[in-house]
């Protein structure tokens, strides 16, 4: 097994721990066209390991936008800002909803919302539809 292979047991643990929801945007896997993925919060290429403390359940959109990034540059300040880490931080402390929009409360939340493109029109439409059916978050 290579260092970034995720065992079936570990994959199940991550999915169950997240209750089937993307740990970044909170969309449930039942309402996603594509299968949620297990994300290395800090990518193996940056020296991290495939251990439960470094794994998060992610929808395809969040995972594709995040990639191997674990930080980004704040557009307003030019500072390097770490991305939200679901193992070390609490979602509600960094994000809030404004209707279907996910907004950042903190610099980390704002940077993560921007980089993972939480509020693209198609994602907003999906969340609006799910909110109207009381299926989100």
Protein backbone atom coordinates (compact mmCIF):
# COMPACT_ATOMS: atom_id res chain seq x y z
CA UNK A 1 0.00 0.00 0.00
CA UNK A 2 1.41 3.41 -0.92
CA UNK A 3 1.54 6.20 1.65
CA UNK A 4 -1.55 7.95 0.28
CA UNK A 5 -3.78 4.87 -0.15
CA UNK A 6 -6.79 4.98 2.11
CA UNK A 7 -7.98 1.67 3.50
CA UNK A 8 -11.65 0.75 3.33
CA UNK A 9 -11.89 0.91 7.12
CA UNK A 10 -10.35 4.37 7.28
CA UNK A 11 -12.59 5.59 4.44
CA UNK A 12 -15.68 4.33 6.32
CA UNK A 13 -14.50 6.02 9.51
CA UNK A 14 -14.13 9.37 7.71
CA UNK A 15 -17.55 9.09 6.04
CA UNK A 16 -19.28 8.11 9.29
CA UNK A 17 -17.49 10.78 11.32
CA UNK A 18 -18.75 13.41 8.85
CA UNK A 19 -22.26 11.90 8.79
CA UNK A 20 -22.01 11.84 5.00
CA UNK A 21 -21.58 15.64 4.72
CA UNK A 22 -18.79 17.52 3.00
CA UNK A 23 -16.80 18.92 5.90
CA UNK A 24 -16.15 22.13 3.98
CA UNK A 25 -19.52 23.16 2.44
CA UNK A 26 -21.78 20.77 4.42
CA UNK A 27 -23.60 19.33 1.38
CA UNK A 28 -24.76 15.79 2.11
CA UNK A 29 -23.57 13.04 -0.24
CA UNK A 30 -27.22 12.08 -0.89
CA UNK A 31 -27.69 15.41 -2.68
CA UNK A 32 -24.51 15.41 -4.71
CA UNK A 33 -24.31 14.22 -8.29
CA UNK A 34 -20.83 12.90 -7.71
CA UNK A 35 -19.51 10.72 -4.93
CA UNK A 36 -17.90 12.54 -2.03
CA UNK A 37 -14.18 11.94 -1.66
CA UNK A 38 -11.80 11.52 1.24
CA UNK A 39 -9.47 14.51 1.21
CA UNK A 40 -6.01 14.73 2.69
CA UNK A 41 -6.31 18.03 4.58
CA UNK A 42 -2.55 18.46 4.25
CA UNK A 43 -1.50 16.63 1.10
CA UNK A 44 0.94 13.74 1.28
CA UNK A 45 3.21 15.67 -1.09
CA UNK A 46 3.62 18.25 1.69
CA UNK A 47 4.82 15.54 4.07
CA UNK A 48 1.59 14.60 5.80
CA UNK A 49 0.33 11.08 6.34
CA UNK A 50 -2.79 9.09 5.60
CA UNK A 51 -4.13 9.06 9.15
CA UNK A 52 -7.61 9.85 10.40
CA UNK A 53 -6.51 13.21 11.87
CA UNK A 54 -5.48 14.35 8.39
CA UNK A 55 -8.56 13.20 6.47
CA UNK A 56 -11.86 14.92 5.77
CA UNK A 57 -14.91 14.06 3.70
CA UNK A 58 -15.20 16.45 0.79
CA UNK A 59 -17.64 16.92 -2.06
CA UNK A 60 -16.12 16.84 -5.51
CA UNK A 61 -16.41 20.59 -6.00
CA UNK A 62 -14.67 21.47 -2.72
CA UNK A 63 -12.00 18.84 -3.26
CA UNK A 64 -11.24 19.95 -6.82
CA UNK A 65 -10.96 23.60 -5.82
CA UNK A 66 -8.87 22.80 -2.75
CA UNK A 67 -6.51 20.39 -4.47
CA UNK A 68 -3.32 20.06 -2.46
CA UNK A 69 -3.60 23.62 -1.07
CA UNK A 70 -3.63 24.13 2.68
CA UNK A 71 -3.24 27.92 2.57
CA UNK A 72 -3.91 30.80 0.25
CA UNK A 73 -3.14 34.51 -0.04
CA UNK A 74 -5.64 36.96 1.39
CA UNK A 75 -6.55 39.24 -1.50
CA UNK A 76 -7.03 42.25 0.78
CA UNK A 77 -3.90 41.96 2.92
CA UNK A 78 -1.53 39.84 0.85
CA UNK A 79 -1.00 37.62 3.91
CA UNK A 80 -0.74 33.84 3.67
CA UNK A 81 -3.83 32.42 5.35
CA UNK A 82 -4.33 28.76 6.26
CA UNK A 83 -7.46 27.06 4.96
CA UNK A 84 -10.14 25.75 7.30
CA UNK A 85 -9.04 22.48 8.89
CA UNK A 86 -12.05 20.36 9.89
CA UNK A 87 -9.95 18.33 12.33
CA UNK A 88 -8.61 21.31 14.24
CA UNK A 89 -11.31 23.95 13.83
CA UNK A 90 -15.06 24.27 14.28
CA UNK A 91 -17.11 25.12 11.18
CA UNK A 92 -19.47 27.55 12.95
CA UNK A 93 -16.55 29.57 14.28
CA UNK A 94 -15.33 30.33 10.75
CA UNK A 95 -18.46 30.40 8.58
CA UNK A 96 -22.08 31.51 8.61
CA UNK A 97 -24.98 31.44 6.19
CA UNK A 98 -26.44 34.48 4.49
CA UNK A 99 -29.36 32.77 2.79
CA UNK A 100 -27.71 30.06 0.70
CA UNK A 101 -24.36 31.86 0.70
CA UNK A 102 -21.58 30.55 2.92
CA UNK A 103 -19.68 33.55 4.24
CA UNK A 104 -16.45 33.65 6.19
CA UNK A 105 -16.55 35.02 9.74
CA UNK A 106 -12.79 34.92 10.03
CA UNK A 107 -9.86 35.44 7.72
CA UNK A 108 -9.59 31.63 7.52
CA UNK A 109 -13.29 31.32 6.69
CA UNK A 110 -13.13 34.05 4.05
CA UNK A 111 -10.03 32.58 2.44
CA UNK A 112 -11.51 29.08 2.42
CA UNK A 113 -14.87 30.24 1.01
CA UNK A 114 -13.06 32.08 -1.77
CA UNK A 115 -10.57 29.34 -2.68
CA UNK A 116 -13.09 26.49 -2.53
CA UNK A 117 -15.58 28.71 -4.42
CA UNK A 118 -18.47 27.92 -2.11
CA UNK A 119 -20.71 30.52 -3.73
CA UNK A 120 -20.50 29.73 -7.43
CA UNK A 121 -23.94 30.21 -9.03
CA UNK A 122 -24.56 26.48 -9.52
CA UNK A 123 -23.66 25.73 -5.92
CA UNK A 124 -25.92 28.53 -4.66
CA UNK A 125 -28.82 27.23 -6.74
CA UNK A 126 -28.34 23.74 -5.36
CA UNK A 127 -28.24 25.00 -1.76
CA UNK A 128 -31.29 27.23 -2.33
CA UNK A 129 -33.26 24.23 -3.63
CA UNK A 130 -32.16 22.06 -0.70
CA UNK A 131 -32.90 24.82 1.84
CA UNK A 132 -36.42 25.22 0.40
CA UNK A 133 -36.90 21.47 0.97
CA UNK A 134 -35.35 21.70 4.45
CA UNK A 135 -32.55 19.34 3.38
CA UNK A 136 -29.62 21.70 3.93
CA UNK A 137 -27.51 22.12 5.91
